[in-house]
C-alpha atoms as a PDB file:
ATOM      1  CA  UNK A   1      93.350 127.069  78.186  1.00  0.00           C
ATOM      2  CA  UNK A   2      94.845 128.532  75.014  1.00  0.00           C
ATOM      3  CA  UNK A   3      96.801 126.214  72.778  1.00  0.00           C
ATOM      4  CA  UNK A   4     100.560 126.790  72.900  1.00  0.00           C
ATOM      5  CA  UNK A   5     101.841 128.586  69.820  1.00  0.00           C
ATOM      6  CA  UNK A   6     104.788 126.187  69.578  1.00  0.00           C
ATOM      7  CA  UNK A   7     103.111 122.773  69.774  1.00  0.00           C
ATOM      8  CA  UNK A   8     106.244 121.047  68.532  1.00  0.00           C
ATOM      9  CA  UNK A   9     107.697 121.510  72.014  1.00  0.00           C
ATOM     10  CA  UNK A  10     105.036 119.139  73.293  1.00  0.00           C
ATOM     11  CA  UNK A  11     106.730 116.201  71.536  1.00  0.00           C
ATOM     12  CA  UNK A  12     107.941 114.775  74.835  1.00  0.00           C
ATOM     13  CA  UNK A  13     107.804 111.336  76.516  1.00  0.00           C
ATOM     14  CA  UNK A  14     104.431 109.536  76.594  1.00  0.00           C
ATOM     15  CA  UNK A  15     101.538 111.546  77.951  1.00  0.00           C
ATOM     16  CA  UNK A  16      98.886 110.184  80.262  1.00  0.00           C
ATOM     17  CA  UNK A  17      95.596 108.658  79.130  1.00  0.00           C
ATOM     18  CA  UNK A  18      93.211 110.804  77.093  1.00  0.00           C
ATOM     19  CA  UNK A  19      90.265 110.196  79.400  1.00  0.00           C
ATOM     20  CA  UNK A  20      90.443 112.269  82.617  1.00  0.00           C
ATOM     21  CA  UNK A  21      90.009 110.624  86.019  1.00  0.00           C
ATOM     22  CA  UNK A  22      86.987 111.399  88.174  1.00  0.00           C
ATOM     23  CA  UNK A  23      89.352 113.428  90.378  1.00  0.00           C
ATOM     24  CA  UNK A  24      92.874 113.411  91.748  1.00  0.00           C
ATOM     25  CA  UNK A  25      93.161 112.309  95.374  1.00  0.00           C
ATOM     26  CA  UNK A  26      95.816 111.286  97.911  1.00  0.00           C
ATOM     27  CA  UNK A  27      97.299 114.724  98.550  1.00  0.00           C
ATOM     28  CA  UNK A  28      99.813 114.693 101.404  1.00  0.00           C
ATOM     29  CA  UNK A  29      99.648 116.907 104.483  1.00  0.00           C
ATOM     30  CA  UNK A  30      97.643 116.965 107.683  1.00  0.00           C
ATOM     31  CA  UNK A  31      94.621 118.789 106.297  1.00  0.00           C
ATOM     32  CA  UNK A  32      94.664 117.672 102.682  1.00  0.00           C
ATOM     33  CA  UNK A  33      94.719 113.876 102.860  1.00  0.00           C
ATOM     34  CA  UNK A  34      91.024 113.481 102.007  1.00  0.00           C
ATOM     35  CA  UNK A  35      90.924 116.221  99.376  1.00  0.00           C
ATOM     36  CA  UNK A  36      89.781 115.426  95.844  1.00  0.00           C
ATOM     37  CA  UNK A  37      90.421 117.825  92.967  1.00  0.00           C
ATOM     38  CA  UNK A  38      89.778 117.812  89.248  1.00  0.00           C
ATOM     39  CA  UNK A  39      91.412 120.847  87.600  1.00  0.00           C
ATOM     40  CA  UNK A  40      89.908 122.689  84.658  1.00  0.00           C
ATOM     41  CA  UNK A  41      92.866 121.626  82.498  1.00  0.00           C
ATOM     42  CA  UNK A  42      96.127 119.827  83.116  1.00  0.00           C
ATOM     43  CA  UNK A  43      99.176 118.126  81.630  1.00  0.00           C
ATOM     44  CA  UNK A  44     100.075 114.758  83.128  1.00  0.00           C
ATOM     45  CA  UNK A  45     102.851 112.383  82.188  1.00  0.00           C
ATOM     46  CA  UNK A  46     102.364 108.647  82.216  1.00  0.00           C
ATOM     47  CA  UNK A  47     103.551 107.015  85.410  1.00  0.00           C
ATOM     48  CA  UNK A  48     102.881 110.002  87.662  1.00  0.00           C
ATOM     49  CA  UNK A  49     100.161 110.289  90.284  1.00  0.00           C
ATOM     50  CA  UNK A  50      99.506 113.986  89.827  1.00  0.00           C
ATOM     51  CA  UNK A  51      99.633 116.330  86.794  1.00  0.00           C
ATOM     52  CA  UNK A  52     102.781 118.355  86.177  1.00  0.00           C
ATOM     53  CA  UNK A  53     100.898 121.467  85.033  1.00  0.00           C
ATOM     54  CA  UNK A  54      97.460 122.462  86.296  1.00  0.00           C
ATOM     55  CA  UNK A  55      95.057 125.190  85.193  1.00  0.00           C
ATOM     56  CA  UNK A  56      92.478 126.399  87.714  1.00  0.00           C
ATOM     57  CA  UNK A  57      89.828 128.815  86.425  1.00  0.00           C
ATOM     58  CA  UNK A  58      86.973 130.244  88.405  1.00  0.00           C
ATOM     59  CA  UNK A  59      83.803 132.289  88.131  1.00  0.00           C
ATOM     60  CA  UNK A  60      82.249 131.215  91.427  1.00  0.00           C
ATOM     61  CA  UNK A  61      85.514 130.928  93.343  1.00  0.00           C
ATOM     62  CA  UNK A  62      87.339 134.023  94.518  1.00  0.00           C
ATOM     63  CA  UNK A  63      90.932 134.645  93.498  1.00  0.00           C
ATOM     64  CA  UNK A  64      91.986 133.747  97.046  1.00  0.00           C
ATOM     65  CA  UNK A  65      90.195 130.387  96.715  1.00  0.00           C
ATOM     66  CA  UNK A  66      92.010 129.705  93.454  1.00  0.00           C
ATOM     67  CA  UNK A  67      95.370 130.546  95.028  1.00  0.00           C
ATOM     68  CA  UNK A  68      94.552 128.137  97.860  1.00  0.00           C
ATOM     69  CA  UNK A  69      93.876 125.497  95.194  1.00  0.00           C
ATOM     70  CA  UNK A  70      97.275 126.291  93.700  1.00  0.00           C
ATOM     71  CA  UNK A  71      98.893 125.740  97.102  1.00  0.00           C
ATOM     72  CA  UNK A  72      97.212 122.351  97.398  1.00  0.00           C
ATOM     73  CA  UNK A  73      98.655 121.261  94.050  1.00  0.00           C
ATOM     74  CA  UNK A  74     102.129 122.703  94.496  1.00  0.00           C
ATOM     75  CA  UNK A  75     102.781 121.936  98.165  1.00  0.00           C
ATOM     76  CA  UNK A  76     100.909 118.667  98.709  1.00  0.00           C
ATOM     77  CA  UNK A  77     101.737 116.462  95.711  1.00  0.00           C
ATOM     78  CA  UNK A  78     105.296 115.562  96.637  1.00  0.00           C
ATOM     79  CA  UNK A  79     106.682 117.943  94.031  1.00  0.00           C
ATOM     80  CA  UNK A  80     104.896 116.279  91.086  1.00  0.00           C
ATOM     81  CA  UNK A  81     102.800 119.356  90.254  1.00  0.00           C
ATOM     82  CA  UNK A  82     105.307 121.993  89.216  1.00  0.00           C
ATOM     83  CA  UNK A  83     103.255 124.851  87.730  1.00  0.00           C
ATOM     84  CA  UNK A  84      99.718 126.097  88.373  1.00  0.00           C
ATOM     85  CA  UNK A  85      98.117 128.573  85.972  1.00  0.00           C
ATOM     86  CA  UNK A  86      95.239 130.504  87.567  1.00  0.00           C
ATOM     87  CA  UNK A  87      92.629 132.245  85.394  1.00  0.00           C
ATOM     88  CA  UNK A  88      90.468 134.396  87.637  1.00  0.00           C
ATOM     89  CA  UNK A  89      87.195 135.988  86.492  1.00  0.00           C
ATOM     90  CA  UNK A  90      85.489 138.851  88.310  1.00  0.00           C
ATOM     91  CA  UNK A  91      82.362 140.821  87.453  1.00  0.00           C
ATOM     92  CA  UNK A  92      81.771 144.437  88.382  1.00  0.00           C
ATOM     93  CA  UNK A  93      78.319 145.156  89.757  1.00  0.00           C
ATOM     94  CA  UNK A  94      77.290 147.755  87.224  1.00  0.00           C
ATOM     95  CA  UNK A  95      73.651 148.510  86.537  1.00  0.00           C
ATOM     96  CA  UNK A  96      72.268 148.838  83.092  1.00  0.00           C
ATOM     97  CA  UNK A  97      72.629 151.796  81.059  1.00  0.00           C
ATOM     98  CA  UNK A  98      70.416 152.232  78.017  1.00  0.00           C
ATOM     99  CA  UNK A  99      67.045 151.439  79.618  1.00  0.00           C
ATOM    100  CA  UNK A 100      67.886 153.453  82.749  1.00  0.00           C
ATOM    101  CA  UNK A 101      68.862 156.447  80.608  1.00  0.00           C
ATOM    102  CA  UNK A 102      65.561 156.200  78.711  1.00  0.00           C
ATOM    103  CA  UNK A 103      63.602 156.288  81.975  1.00  0.00           C
ATOM    104  CA  UNK A 104      65.491 159.383  83.197  1.00  0.00           C
ATOM    105  CA  UNK A 105      65.034 161.216  79.914  1.00  0.00           C
ATOM    106  CA  UNK A 106      61.321 160.377  79.859  1.00  0.00           C
ATOM    107  CA  UNK A 107      60.818 161.672  83.394  1.00  0.00           C
ATOM    108  CA  UNK A 108      62.727 164.874  82.663  1.00  0.00           C
ATOM    109  CA  UNK A 109      60.545 165.542  79.641  1.00  0.00           C
ATOM    110  CA  UNK A 110      57.400 165.165  81.723  1.00  0.00           C
ATOM    111  CA  UNK A 111      56.247 162.075  79.877  1.00  0.00           C
ATOM    112  CA  UNK A 112      56.285 159.874  82.935  1.00  0.00           C
ATOM    113  CA  UNK A 113      58.040 156.588  83.320  1.00  0.00           C
ATOM    114  CA  UNK A 114      58.695 154.746  80.082  1.00  0.00           C
ATOM    115  CA  UNK A 115      58.002 151.010  79.979  1.00  0.00           C
ATOM    116  CA  UNK A 116      61.144 149.101  79.185  1.00  0.00           C
ATOM    117  CA  UNK A 117      61.575 146.319  76.652  1.00  0.00           C
ATOM    118  CA  UNK A 118      62.215 143.957  79.549  1.00  0.00           C
ATOM    119  CA  UNK A 119      58.931 144.892  81.246  1.00  0.00           C
ATOM    120  CA  UNK A 120      56.992 144.420  78.018  1.00  0.00           C
ATOM    121  CA  UNK A 121      58.592 141.014  77.563  1.00  0.00           C
ATOM    122  CA  UNK A 122      57.646 139.952  81.109  1.00  0.00           C
ATOM    123  CA  UNK A 123      54.062 141.159  80.606  1.00  0.00           C
ATOM    124  CA  UNK A 124      53.803 138.995  77.494  1.00  0.00           C
ATOM    125  CA  UNK A 125      54.575 135.751  79.369  1.00  0.00           C
ATOM    126  CA  UNK A 126      51.588 133.400  79.389  1.00  0.00           C
ATOM    127  CA  UNK A 127      50.771 129.695  79.238  1.00  0.00           C
ATOM    128  CA  UNK A 128      51.851 129.547  75.594  1.00  0.00           C
ATOM    129  CA  UNK A 129      55.303 131.015  76.238  1.00  0.00           C
ATOM    130  CA  UNK A 130      58.108 128.722  75.108  1.00  0.00           C
ATOM    131  CA  UNK A 131      60.856 128.429  77.738  1.00  0.00           C
ATOM    132  CA  UNK A 132      63.759 128.313  75.258  1.00  0.00           C
ATOM    133  CA  UNK A 133      62.369 131.193  73.209  1.00  0.00           C
ATOM    134  CA  UNK A 134      62.052 133.288  76.380  1.00  0.00           C
ATOM    135  CA  UNK A 135      65.683 132.530  77.253  1.00  0.00           C
ATOM    136  CA  UNK A 136      66.721 133.651  73.763  1.00  0.00           C
ATOM    137  CA  UNK A 137      64.757 136.890  74.134  1.00  0.00           C
ATOM    138  CA  UNK A 138      66.569 137.532  77.406  1.00  0.00           C
ATOM    139  CA  UNK A 139      69.891 136.900  75.665  1.00  0.00           C
ATOM    140  CA  UNK A 140      68.984 139.321  72.874  1.00  0.00           C
ATOM    141  CA  UNK A 141      67.969 142.056  75.336  1.00  0.00           C
ATOM    142  CA  UNK A 142      71.146 141.494  77.310  1.00  0.00           C
ATOM    143  CA  UNK A 143      73.284 141.973  74.212  1.00  0.00           C
ATOM    144  CA  UNK A 144      71.391 145.211  73.509  1.00  0.00           C
ATOM    145  CA  UNK A 145      72.024 146.403  77.108  1.00  0.00           C
ATOM    146  CA  UNK A 146      68.288 146.429  77.792  1.00  0.00           C
ATOM    147  CA  UNK A 147      68.118 144.281  80.922  1.00  0.00           C
ATOM    148  CA  UNK A 148      67.918 146.007  84.305  1.00  0.00           C
ATOM    149  CA  UNK A 149      70.238 143.327  85.690  1.00  0.00           C
ATOM    150  CA  UNK A 150      72.648 142.144  82.978  1.00  0.00           C
ATOM    151  CA  UNK A 151      73.140 138.401  82.595  1.00  0.00           C
ATOM    152  CA  UNK A 152      76.902 138.955  82.660  1.00  0.00           C
ATOM    153  CA  UNK A 153      78.293 142.157  84.101  1.00  0.00           C
ATOM    154  CA  UNK A 154      81.481 143.925  83.059  1.00  0.00           C
ATOM    155  CA  UNK A 155      84.118 141.235  83.097  1.00  0.00           C
ATOM    156  CA  UNK A 156      87.727 141.257  84.153  1.00  0.00           C
ATOM    157  CA  UNK A 157      89.947 138.216  83.685  1.00  0.00           C
ATOM    158  CA  UNK A 158      93.455 137.990  85.104  1.00  0.00           C
ATOM    159  CA  UNK A 159      96.076 135.312  84.610  1.00  0.00           C
ATOM    160  CA  UNK A 160      98.658 134.246  87.185  1.00  0.00           C
ATOM    161  CA  UNK A 161     101.429 131.626  87.022  1.00  0.00           C
ATOM    162  CA  UNK A 162     102.670 129.967  90.215  1.00  0.00           C
ATOM    163  CA  UNK A 163     105.448 127.495  91.019  1.00  0.00           C
ATOM    164  CA  UNK A 164     106.476 126.485  94.530  1.00  0.00           C
ATOM    165  CA  UNK A 165     109.248 128.351  96.310  1.00  0.00           C
ATOM    166  CA  UNK A 166     112.590 126.570  96.481  1.00  0.00           C
ATOM    167  CA  UNK A 167     111.992 125.519 100.100  1.00  0.00           C
ATOM    168  CA  UNK A 168     108.478 124.307  99.147  1.00  0.00           C
ATOM    169  CA  UNK A 169     106.998 126.185 102.100  1.00  0.00           C
ATOM    170  CA  UNK A 170     104.814 128.424  99.958  1.00  0.00           C
ATOM    171  CA  UNK A 171     104.154 129.405  96.342  1.00  0.00           C
ATOM    172  CA  UNK A 172     105.289 132.444  94.391  1.00  0.00           C
ATOM    173  CA  UNK A 173     103.717 134.340  91.480  1.00  0.00           C
ATOM    174  CA  UNK A 174     106.216 134.533  88.627  1.00  0.00           C
ATOM    175  CA  UNK A 175     103.884 136.038  86.019  1.00  0.00           C
ATOM    176  CA  UNK A 176     100.643 137.987  86.132  1.00  0.00           C
ATOM    177  CA  UNK A 177      98.660 140.041  83.654  1.00  0.00           C
ATOM    178  CA  UNK A 178      95.156 141.170  82.732  1.00  0.00           C
ATOM    179  CA  UNK A 179      93.626 139.186  79.870  1.00  0.00           C
ATOM    180  CA  UNK A 180      90.214 140.890  79.652  1.00  0.00           C
ATOM    181  CA  UNK A 181      90.030 143.755  78.896  1.00  0.00           C
ATOM    182  CA  UNK A 182      92.988 143.410  76.562  1.00  0.00           C
ATOM    183  CA  UNK A 183      96.324 144.732  77.781  1.00  0.00           C
ATOM    184  CA  UNK A 184      97.509 147.900  76.085  1.00  0.00           C
ATOM    185  CA  UNK A 185     100.168 147.244  73.470  1.00  0.00           C
ATOM    186  CA  UNK A 186     101.397 150.830  73.799  1.00  0.00           C
ATOM    187  CA  UNK A 187     101.901 150.320  77.525  1.00  0.00           C
ATOM    188  CA  UNK A 188     104.276 147.480  76.805  1.00  0.00           C
ATOM    189  CA  UNK A 189     102.046 144.828  78.362  1.00  0.00           C
ATOM    190  CA  UNK A 190     103.036 141.215  77.528  1.00  0.00           C
ATOM    191  CA  UNK A 191     101.375 139.416  74.630  1.00  0.00           C
ATOM    192  CA  UNK A 192     102.434 135.933  75.694  1.00  0.00           C
ATOM    193  CA  UNK A 193     103.859 133.914  78.535  1.00  0.00           C
ATOM    194  CA  UNK A 194     105.824 130.692  78.634  1.00  0.00           C
ATOM    195  CA  UNK A 195     106.877 127.797  80.830  1.00  0.00           C
ATOM    196  CA  UNK A 196     110.055 125.824  80.218  1.00  0.00           C
ATOM    197  CA  UNK A 197     110.293 122.143  79.443  1.00  0.00           C
ATOM    198  CA  UNK A 198     112.189 121.773  82.707  1.00  0.00           C
ATOM    199  CA  UNK A 199     109.226 123.350  84.524  1.00  0.00           C
ATOM    200  CA  UNK A 200     106.975 120.690  83.049  1.00  0.00           C
ATOM    201  CA  UNK A 201     109.193 117.619  82.838  1.00  0.00           C
ATOM    202  CA  UNK A 202     111.773 118.096  85.564  1.00  0.00           C
ATOM    203  CA  UNK A 203     114.523 115.516  84.990  1.00  0.00           C
ATOM    204  CA  UNK A 204     112.532 113.791  82.225  1.00  0.00           C
ATOM    205  CA  UNK A 205     113.411 116.284  79.476  1.00  0.00           C
ATOM    206  CA  UNK A 206     114.562 114.323  76.370  1.00  0.00           C
ATOM    207  CA  UNK A 207     118.298 114.501  75.742  1.00  0.00           C
ATOM    208  CA  UNK A 208     117.830 116.074  72.301  1.00  0.00           C
ATOM    209  CA  UNK A 209     115.831 119.024  73.693  1.00  0.00           C
ATOM    210  CA  UNK A 210     116.965 122.060  75.645  1.00  0.00           C
ATOM    211  CA  UNK A 211     115.393 122.098  79.134  1.00  0.00           C
ATOM    212  CA  UNK A 212     115.102 125.880  78.859  1.00  0.00           C
ATOM    213  CA  UNK A 213     113.032 125.778  75.670  1.00  0.00           C
ATOM    214  CA  UNK A 214     109.695 127.373  76.454  1.00  0.00           C
ATOM    215  CA  UNK A 215     106.131 126.396  75.640  1.00  0.00           C
ATOM    216  CA  UNK A 216     104.621 129.721  74.600  1.00  0.00           C
ATOM    217  CA  UNK A 217     101.003 130.620  75.375  1.00  0.00           C
ATOM    218  CA  UNK A 218      99.361 133.451  73.427  1.00  0.00           C
ATOM    219  CA  UNK A 219      97.417 135.943  75.552  1.00  0.00           C
ATOM    220  CA  UNK A 220      95.189 137.049  72.613  1.00  0.00           C
ATOM    221  CA  UNK A 221      94.209 133.405  72.156  1.00  0.00           C
ATOM    222  CA  UNK A 222      93.515 133.142  75.852  1.00  0.00           C
ATOM    223  CA  UNK A 223      91.335 136.241  75.613  1.00  0.00           C
ATOM    224  CA  UNK A 224      89.399 134.575  72.794  1.00  0.00           C
ATOM    225  CA  UNK A 225      88.904 131.526  75.003  1.00  0.00           C
ATOM    226  CA  UNK A 226      87.670 133.691  77.887  1.00  0.00           C
ATOM    227  CA  UNK A 227      85.338 135.644  75.608  1.00  0.00           C
ATOM    228  CA  UNK A 228      83.863 132.441  74.172  1.00  0.00           C
ATOM    229  CA  UNK A 229      83.187 131.187  77.686  1.00  0.00           C
ATOM    230  CA  UNK A 230      81.077 134.312  78.243  1.00  0.00           C
ATOM    231  CA  UNK A 231      78.562 133.073  75.677  1.00  0.00           C
ATOM    232  CA  UNK A 232      78.138 129.792  77.546  1.00  0.00           C
ATOM    233  CA  UNK A 233      77.692 131.627  80.844  1.00  0.00           C
ATOM    234  CA  UNK A 234      75.263 134.089  79.272  1.00  0.00           C
ATOM    235  CA  UNK A 235      73.182 131.231  77.843  1.00  0.00           C
ATOM    236  CA  UNK A 236      73.084 129.347  81.137  1.00  0.00           C
ATOM    237  CA  UNK A 237      72.033 132.420  83.091  1.00  0.00           C
ATOM    238  CA  UNK A 238      69.380 133.281  80.494  1.00  0.00           C
ATOM    239  CA  UNK A 239      67.733 129.860  80.877  1.00  0.00           C
ATOM    240  CA  UNK A 240      67.883 130.117  84.666  1.00  0.00           C
ATOM    241  CA  UNK A 241      66.293 133.584  84.608  1.00  0.00           C
ATOM    242  CA  UNK A 242      63.636 132.474  82.108  1.00  0.00           C
ATOM    243  CA  UNK A 243      62.613 129.683  84.477  1.00  0.00           C
ATOM    244  CA  UNK A 244      62.449 132.140  87.384  1.00  0.00           C
ATOM    245  CA  UNK A 245      60.273 134.593  85.412  1.00  0.00           C
ATOM    246  CA  UNK A 246      57.871 131.852  84.346  1.00  0.00           C
ATOM    247  CA  UNK A 247      57.573 130.676  87.955  1.00  0.00           C
ATOM    248  CA  UNK A 248      56.910 134.219  89.152  1.00  0.00           C
ATOM    249  CA  UNK A 249      54.130 134.662  86.574  1.00  0.00           C
ATOM    250  CA  UNK A 250      52.601 131.284  87.475  1.00  0.00           C
ATOM    251  CA  UNK A 251      52.999 129.579  84.104  1.00  0.00           C
ATOM    252  CA  UNK A 252      55.959 127.320  84.882  1.00  0.00           C
ATOM    253  CA  UNK A 253      55.199 123.596  84.979  1.00  0.00           C
ATOM    254  CA  UNK A 254      57.813 121.444  86.687  1.00  0.00           C
ATOM    255  CA  UNK A 255      58.812 118.499  84.554  1.00  0.00           C
ATOM    256  CA  UNK A 256      60.951 115.483  85.286  1.00  0.00           C
ATOM    257  CA  UNK A 257      64.609 116.158  84.537  1.00  0.00           C
ATOM    258  CA  UNK A 258      66.810 113.664  82.722  1.00  0.00           C
ATOM    259  CA  UNK A 259      68.692 112.930  85.972  1.00  0.00           C
ATOM    260  CA  UNK A 260      65.415 112.302  87.803  1.00  0.00           C
ATOM    261  CA  UNK A 261      64.278 110.036  84.964  1.00  0.00           C
ATOM    262  CA  UNK A 262      67.445 107.953  85.237  1.00  0.00           C
ATOM    263  CA  UNK A 263      67.134 107.616  89.010  1.00  0.00           C
ATOM    264  CA  UNK A 264      63.496 106.567  88.691  1.00  0.00           C
ATOM    265  CA  UNK A 265      64.206 104.134  85.881  1.00  0.00           C
ATOM    266  CA  UNK A 266      67.082 102.393  87.603  1.00  0.00           C
ATOM    267  CA  UNK A 267      65.816 102.518  91.188  1.00  0.00           C
ATOM    268  CA  UNK A 268      65.908  98.844  92.325  1.00  0.00           C
ATOM    269  CA  UNK A 269      62.829  99.229  94.495  1.00  0.00           C
ATOM    270  CA  UNK A 270      60.774 100.551  91.586  1.00  0.00           C
ATOM    271  CA  UNK A 271      62.081  97.848  89.256  1.00  0.00           C
ATOM    272  CA  UNK A 272      61.108  95.074  91.678  1.00  0.00           C
ATOM    273  CA  UNK A 273      57.510  96.302  91.982  1.00  0.00           C
END
């Protein structure tokens, strides 16, 4: 989550511990009593069971799933969670572009089907192929728009801010905007959003501060955060695809993972033998 542009407004009563819990549990309600949730980011005051502000972001979860998460926080924490910020990512299922165009042009010119850079890379895989180097080659081709199936498709990221309704029967969206691609400045789209100290602290706002002072979040900074996360996702998907390609060509050798090593090392039955 982007850093507020007015961090001085965060000088409020003692914050919770720096180390996050494994998860928050003990939600109230018939269906939520056994739920456990660890948000992507949150603000929690000392002495409270649940965080006051929660950020839920999702690639795998649909926007509806994220809104359901927001309802869990806002309607089943006894009023402790006051604001949920949802950052929803979606990918459009677009095919690639440059390599496909090359194939069409080649066919139209009577030269037959042109081998793509991706196909030549796959044909070069052998027993000496380095897994990490193959993943990097996939990343490079992806950034050149030369993969038939891009590692990350065209991305859209939207931001939504929810508090609970006054009767606490449901939640309401009080702010929403598109973060990626960037909103048009000419169209008058917002460049920031804010939440008040009262939204965060309730009746715990210090006497020397105005409850209506806002903590401002910069949307360009949030876009930068979202864009940076693309690189991590691209890298993860490149390694996963590299492994799949090496398996398909018969040169992948399964090796013990670090987690498997730890389980084997500390398995009591193995230790006693």
